[in-house]
Amino acid sequence: METVFETWRVQLDDPDAFRQPGMTLRVRADGHDDSISVIVLLDRVLVSVSRTPAAQLRTALEHHRPPETLVEEATMARMVGAIERTLGPAVLEYLDADQFVPQDSSGLIAVDADDAGLAALAERCGPEDAAESDVRVWASPVWVLAEGDMVVAASGFEVWADAVAHLGVLTDPSHRGRGLGRRVAGAAVAAALERGLIPQWRARADLTASRRVAEVLGFEERGQQAVFWPH
């Protein structure tokens, strides 16, 4: 997991994050954003907060156990008061090459990330599913399944710090439940591994279908993530 830790340090622009087991409170300089970000990776926890609630939260964190419950809204509300909005919690899952379970790749094609059929799929899935998959930031190529002229499932990834492939998958709402998501995701995972990247799967904890796809492919949960906006 050291490569994963280092990749998150690059993504967060925080060279001290996840260096040691336990909890770290990072106070951001951007005072205009009062969000509280919590990332749990194995036995390491990073809580990132603006200056506004930092002192109150620091005192509460010193006495809080277990740290993984910090991604729960009820836990955070007890520390800082009412929560206006929550993003997540999401699970963070990873796999090694020897854990990967290949899928049927027959009929899959690779397209550019700006393919019109992919854009139409994202439109049919709606803004929430498109945002969950991070389809807008996938790099080329993207692996798709089409029926006629219509793309019905797609998977791709964004490369983080030349080390991690942050994966996503989209399946047309009218074609779900047929195993299409795991087939396109399997192709994306295989491509990531061929490039020497570590596949990363992030899904909201309540998205059982997405988590099931990850499980079938061989992913294992290694962390959690959530963002809170206090009242």
Foldseek 3Di string as FASTA:
>chain_A
DVLVQVLVCQVVVNPPAPPDFDEDEAEDDPQVAAKWKWKWFARYIYIYGYPPCRVQQVVVRVPDPDPQCVQPLVVVCVRRNAFPDKDFWKFKWWDDPVQFDADDQPQKDWDALPDPLVVVLLVQQDDVLCVQQVSVQFGGTKIFHDDVPHTFKIKGFHDGPLAATEIGMGGRPVPPPPCRRLNRVSVRVVVCVVSNHIYMYMGGPPPVVSVVSCVNRRIDTRIIIMMTHGD
